[in-house]
Amino acid sequence: MSRTTITVLIADDQEVAREGYRRILETQANLTIVGTATNGLDAVHLAQSQCPDVAILDIRMPQLNGIEAARRIRAICPQVGVVLLSFYDHPSYVRNFLKEGAVGKAFLLKQTIGRIDELVRAIKAVADGQMMLDPTIVDDLMHDAPLASLADLTTQEMRVLELMAKGYANAGIAEALVVQERTIENYVSNIFAKLHLKNKGQQARVQAVLLFLEATGRLRRSDELPQNDE
């Protein structure tokens, strides 16, 4: 880690979980808890006042769910890393969470977080702009293209894919690369075809982004992260 202290916001409507995370994380060196919230809307308000380095959000909360809270928090403080915690690994949750970009995001299943150091590693990963997913989620999202490779992509297709990973829609990519949107649509179709992605919608877009992040070392599975930083 390049930074000396990571400030953290915790939002969970279950007091046992919320306070448990807070008490344990407060014992960790280089982590500072700047606030806790019982619902998604309060989490957004806290982020607005504190602008933490990382927000830990439960996916199911009153008033505002974790995915929408994450979107609003990022709109206020774009550099905030987000750790989304859930008991559910439904692909639609993950796709919605990642559709506006994968940088600095982690999606972990509560039932598979066996030790607090896994959560700590996720916090450090998203604070560094990395993406981290529970291994079962990675397997579910990538099973349709297990042998896919980026080797066949052209330089321009790689640039398009990188912008996709940053959350750009086709129109935004076209503007960034100074080409017509139709041209980008063709690039995206070629990328999906070369990566053997059967689904051509949002699921394929997420799978393509995951492959790019994995190939460039920016995707971490929770079971592949080192046990410490030494």
Protein backbone atom coordinates (compact mmCIF):
# COMPACT_ATOMS: atom_id res chain seq x y z
CA MET A 1 0.00 0.00 0.00
CA SER A 2 1.23 3.43 -0.91
CA ARG A 3 -1.05 5.26 1.52
CA THR A 4 -0.39 5.11 5.26
CA THR A 5 -4.01 5.18 6.47
CA ILE A 6 -7.22 4.02 4.81
CA THR A 7 -10.43 5.64 6.00
CA VAL A 8 -13.46 3.35 6.00
CA LEU A 9 -17.22 3.78 6.13
CA ILE A 10 -19.41 0.81 7.15
CA ALA A 11 -23.11 0.46 6.28
CA ASP A 12 -25.20 -2.54 7.33
CA ASP A 13 -28.73 -2.59 8.73
CA GLN A 14 -27.87 -5.51 11.03
CA GLU A 15 -26.31 -4.14 14.20
CA VAL A 16 -24.40 -7.33 14.99
CA ALA A 17 -22.69 -7.30 11.57
CA ARG A 18 -22.13 -3.55 11.49
CA GLU A 19 -20.64 -3.32 14.97
CA GLY A 20 -18.71 -6.53 14.48
CA TYR A 21 -16.97 -5.15 11.41
CA ARG A 22 -16.31 -1.85 13.15
CA ARG A 23 -14.81 -3.33 16.32
CA ILE A 24 -12.56 -5.73 14.46
CA LEU A 25 -11.42 -3.28 11.79
CA GLU A 26 -10.60 -0.69 14.46
CA THR A 27 -7.91 -3.07 15.70
CA GLN A 28 -6.21 -3.15 12.30
CA ALA A 29 -3.19 -0.99 11.68
CA ASN A 30 -3.61 1.68 9.00
CA LEU A 31 -7.43 1.46 9.00
CA THR A 32 -9.59 4.25 10.45
CA ILE A 33 -13.38 3.96 10.73
CA VAL A 34 -14.90 7.36 9.95
CA GLY A 35 -18.56 6.42 10.36
CA THR A 36 -21.25 3.73 10.38
CA ALA A 37 -24.72 3.74 8.85
CA THR A 38 -27.83 1.62 9.27
CA ASN A 39 -29.22 2.20 5.77
CA GLY A 40 -28.07 3.11 2.29
CA LEU A 41 -29.27 6.68 2.35
CA ASP A 42 -27.38 7.46 5.55
CA ALA A 43 -24.32 5.84 3.98
CA VAL A 44 -24.54 8.30 1.08
CA HIS A 45 -24.88 11.25 3.45
CA LEU A 46 -21.89 10.06 5.48
CA ALA A 47 -19.82 9.62 2.33
CA GLN A 48 -20.71 13.15 1.30
CA SER A 49 -19.40 14.57 4.56
CA GLN A 50 -16.43 12.23 5.09
CA CYS A 51 -15.44 11.11 1.55
CA PRO A 52 -13.75 7.94 2.87
CA ASP A 53 -11.21 5.89 0.96
CA VAL A 54 -13.43 2.79 1.16
CA ALA A 55 -17.13 2.14 1.78
CA ILE A 56 -18.25 -1.29 3.02
CA LEU A 57 -21.89 -1.76 2.05
CA ASP A 58 -24.42 -4.50 2.68
CA ILE A 59 -26.35 -5.19 -0.51
CA ARG A 60 -29.77 -5.29 1.18
CA MET A 61 -30.47 -2.22 3.30
CA PRO A 62 -33.54 -0.06 3.99
CA GLN A 63 -34.22 3.10 1.99
CA LEU A 64 -31.40 2.43 -0.48
CA ASN A 65 -29.76 -0.86 -1.42
CA GLY A 66 -26.01 -1.28 -1.47
CA ILE A 67 -25.67 -1.14 -5.25
CA GLU A 68 -27.56 2.13 -5.56
CA ALA A 69 -25.76 3.54 -2.51
CA ALA A 70 -22.44 2.65 -4.15
CA ARG A 71 -23.48 4.43 -7.35
CA ARG A 72 -24.44 7.59 -5.49
CA ILE A 73 -21.33 7.52 -3.33
CA ARG A 74 -19.13 7.20 -6.42
CA ALA A 75 -20.97 10.14 -7.98
CA ILE A 76 -20.05 12.24 -4.94
CA CYS A 77 -16.51 10.87 -4.40
CA PRO A 78 -15.36 9.04 -7.57
CA GLN A 79 -12.22 7.65 -5.94
CA VAL A 80 -14.03 5.76 -3.16
CA GLY A 81 -13.36 2.02 -3.22
CA VAL A 82 -16.45 -0.09 -2.59
CA VAL A 83 -16.70 -3.48 -0.86
CA LEU A 84 -20.17 -4.92 -1.38
CA LEU A 85 -21.21 -7.72 0.99
CA SER A 86 -24.05 -10.11 0.26
CA PHE A 87 -25.49 -13.51 1.12
CA TYR A 88 -26.49 -13.85 -2.53
CA ASP A 89 -24.40 -14.33 -5.66
CA HIS A 90 -27.12 -13.77 -8.24
CA PRO A 91 -25.42 -12.72 -11.49
CA SER A 92 -27.76 -9.75 -11.92
CA TYR A 93 -26.45 -8.25 -8.66
CA VAL A 94 -22.87 -8.49 -9.87
CA ARG A 95 -23.67 -7.13 -13.34
CA ASN A 96 -25.54 -4.16 -11.90
CA PHE A 97 -22.69 -3.49 -9.49
CA LEU A 98 -20.07 -3.56 -12.24
CA LYS A 99 -21.97 -1.96 -15.11
CA GLU A 100 -20.60 1.53 -14.38
CA GLY A 101 -17.03 0.29 -14.04
CA ALA A 102 -15.05 -2.37 -12.21
CA VAL A 103 -12.14 -0.32 -10.87
CA GLY A 104 -11.90 -0.25 -7.08
CA LYS A 105 -14.79 -2.63 -6.46
CA ALA A 106 -15.11 -5.88 -4.49
CA PHE A 107 -18.08 -8.22 -4.21
CA LEU A 108 -17.80 -10.73 -1.38
CA LEU A 109 -20.23 -13.31 -0.08
CA LYS A 110 -20.82 -13.03 3.65
CA GLN A 111 -20.99 -16.78 4.13
CA THR A 112 -17.54 -17.29 2.59
CA ILE A 113 -15.71 -14.60 4.57
CA GLY A 114 -14.06 -17.01 6.98
CA ARG A 115 -11.64 -14.57 8.53
CA ILE A 116 -11.50 -10.85 8.96
CA ASP A 117 -8.19 -10.67 7.07
CA GLU A 118 -10.11 -11.47 3.87
CA LEU A 119 -12.18 -8.33 4.40
CA VAL A 120 -9.03 -6.35 5.21
CA ARG A 121 -7.41 -7.52 1.97
CA ALA A 122 -10.51 -6.50 0.06
CA ILE A 123 -10.39 -3.04 1.64
CA LYS A 124 -6.75 -2.62 0.64
CA ALA A 125 -7.40 -3.96 -2.86
CA VAL A 126 -10.22 -1.53 -3.68
CA ALA A 127 -8.34 1.37 -2.08
CA ASP A 128 -5.61 0.62 -4.65
CA GLY A 129 -8.13 0.60 -7.50
CA GLN A 130 -8.14 -3.17 -7.92
CA MET A 131 -11.17 -5.37 -8.41
CA MET A 132 -11.81 -8.35 -6.13
CA LEU A 133 -14.56 -10.94 -6.39
CA ASP A 134 -15.53 -13.98 -4.38
CA PRO A 135 -14.12 -16.98 -6.30
CA THR A 136 -17.56 -18.56 -6.76
CA ILE A 137 -18.75 -15.37 -8.47
CA VAL A 138 -15.76 -15.34 -10.83
CA ASP A 139 -16.44 -18.97 -11.75
CA ASP A 140 -20.14 -18.27 -12.38
CA LEU A 141 -19.50 -15.20 -14.54
CA MET A 142 -16.65 -16.66 -16.59
CA HIS A 143 -17.81 -20.24 -17.11
CA ASP A 144 -19.13 -19.45 -20.59
CA ALA A 145 -15.66 -18.49 -21.83
CA PRO A 146 -13.17 -20.65 -19.91
CA LEU A 147 -10.61 -20.72 -22.71
CA ALA A 148 -10.96 -17.14 -23.86
CA SER A 149 -7.81 -15.12 -24.44
CA LEU A 150 -7.05 -11.50 -25.26
CA ALA A 151 -4.24 -12.48 -27.62
CA ASP A 152 -6.39 -12.11 -30.74
CA LEU A 153 -7.58 -8.61 -29.95
CA THR A 154 -6.17 -5.71 -31.92
CA THR A 155 -4.58 -2.69 -30.22
CA GLN A 156 -7.71 -0.63 -30.80
CA GLU A 157 -9.95 -3.41 -29.47
CA MET A 158 -7.81 -3.54 -26.32
CA ARG A 159 -8.24 0.22 -25.91
CA VAL A 160 -12.00 -0.19 -26.25
CA LEU A 161 -11.98 -3.02 -23.70
CA GLU A 162 -9.94 -0.97 -21.25
CA LEU A 163 -12.46 1.86 -21.47
CA MET A 164 -15.26 -0.66 -20.97
CA ALA A 165 -13.51 -1.77 -17.78
CA LYS A 166 -13.49 1.85 -16.61
CA GLY A 167 -17.25 2.00 -17.00
CA TYR A 168 -17.58 3.85 -20.30
CA ALA A 169 -20.67 3.16 -22.38
CA ASN A 170 -20.28 2.89 -26.15
CA ALA A 171 -21.06 6.58 -26.64
CA GLY A 172 -18.40 7.57 -24.11
CA ILE A 173 -15.83 5.28 -25.72
CA ALA A 174 -16.60 6.78 -29.13
CA GLU A 175 -16.06 10.27 -27.76
CA ALA A 176 -12.81 9.29 -26.03
CA LEU A 177 -11.41 7.65 -29.18
CA VAL A 178 -12.88 10.28 -31.53
CA VAL A 179 -14.77 7.83 -33.71
CA GLN A 180 -18.42 7.15 -34.51
CA GLU A 181 -20.49 5.20 -31.98
CA ARG A 182 -21.32 2.69 -34.70
CA THR A 183 -17.60 1.98 -35.02
CA ILE A 184 -17.41 1.22 -31.31
CA GLU A 185 -20.42 -1.09 -31.60
CA ASN A 186 -18.52 -3.03 -34.25
CA TYR A 187 -15.42 -3.19 -32.05
CA VAL A 188 -17.48 -4.46 -29.13
CA SER A 189 -19.10 -7.14 -31.30
CA ASN A 190 -15.65 -8.23 -32.51
CA ILE A 191 -14.38 -8.37 -28.93
CA PHE A 192 -17.29 -10.56 -27.84
CA ALA A 193 -16.79 -12.86 -30.83
CA LYS A 194 -13.02 -13.22 -30.31
CA LEU A 195 -13.56 -13.96 -26.60
CA HIS A 196 -16.20 -16.59 -27.48
CA LEU A 197 -18.89 -14.88 -25.42
CA LYS A 198 -22.28 -16.27 -26.35
CA ASN A 199 -24.40 -13.65 -24.61
CA LYS A 200 -24.12 -10.29 -26.36
CA GLY A 201 -25.65 -8.12 -23.65
CA GLN A 202 -24.56 -6.85 -20.25
CA GLN A 203 -23.42 -10.30 -19.11
CA ALA A 204 -20.96 -10.52 -22.00
CA ARG A 205 -19.72 -7.02 -21.23
CA VAL A 206 -19.00 -7.99 -17.62
CA GLN A 207 -17.29 -11.21 -18.71
CA ALA A 208 -15.11 -9.32 -21.18
CA VAL A 209 -14.15 -6.81 -18.50
CA LEU A 210 -13.29 -9.62 -16.07
CA LEU A 211 -11.06 -11.28 -18.65
CA PHE A 212 -9.30 -7.97 -19.30
CA LEU A 213 -8.77 -7.28 -15.59
CA GLU A 214 -7.53 -10.81 -14.97
CA ALA A 215 -5.09 -10.62 -17.88
CA THR A 216 -3.74 -7.25 -16.77
CA GLY A 217 -3.43 -8.29 -13.12
CA ARG A 218 -6.19 -6.00 -11.89
CA LEU A 219 -8.66 -8.73 -10.97
CA ARG A 220 -8.16 -10.57 -7.70
CA ARG A 221 -10.08 -13.53 -6.37
CA SER A 222 -10.40 -13.58 -2.60
CA ASP A 223 -8.77 -17.01 -2.49
CA GLU A 224 -5.76 -15.85 -4.52
CA LEU A 225 -4.72 -12.79 -2.54
CA PRO A 226 -1.62 -13.05 -0.37
CA GLN A 227 -2.21 -13.63 3.31
CA ASN A 228 -0.25 -10.51 4.27
CA ASP A 229 1.53 -7.57 2.67
CA GLU A 230 5.05 -8.66 3.52
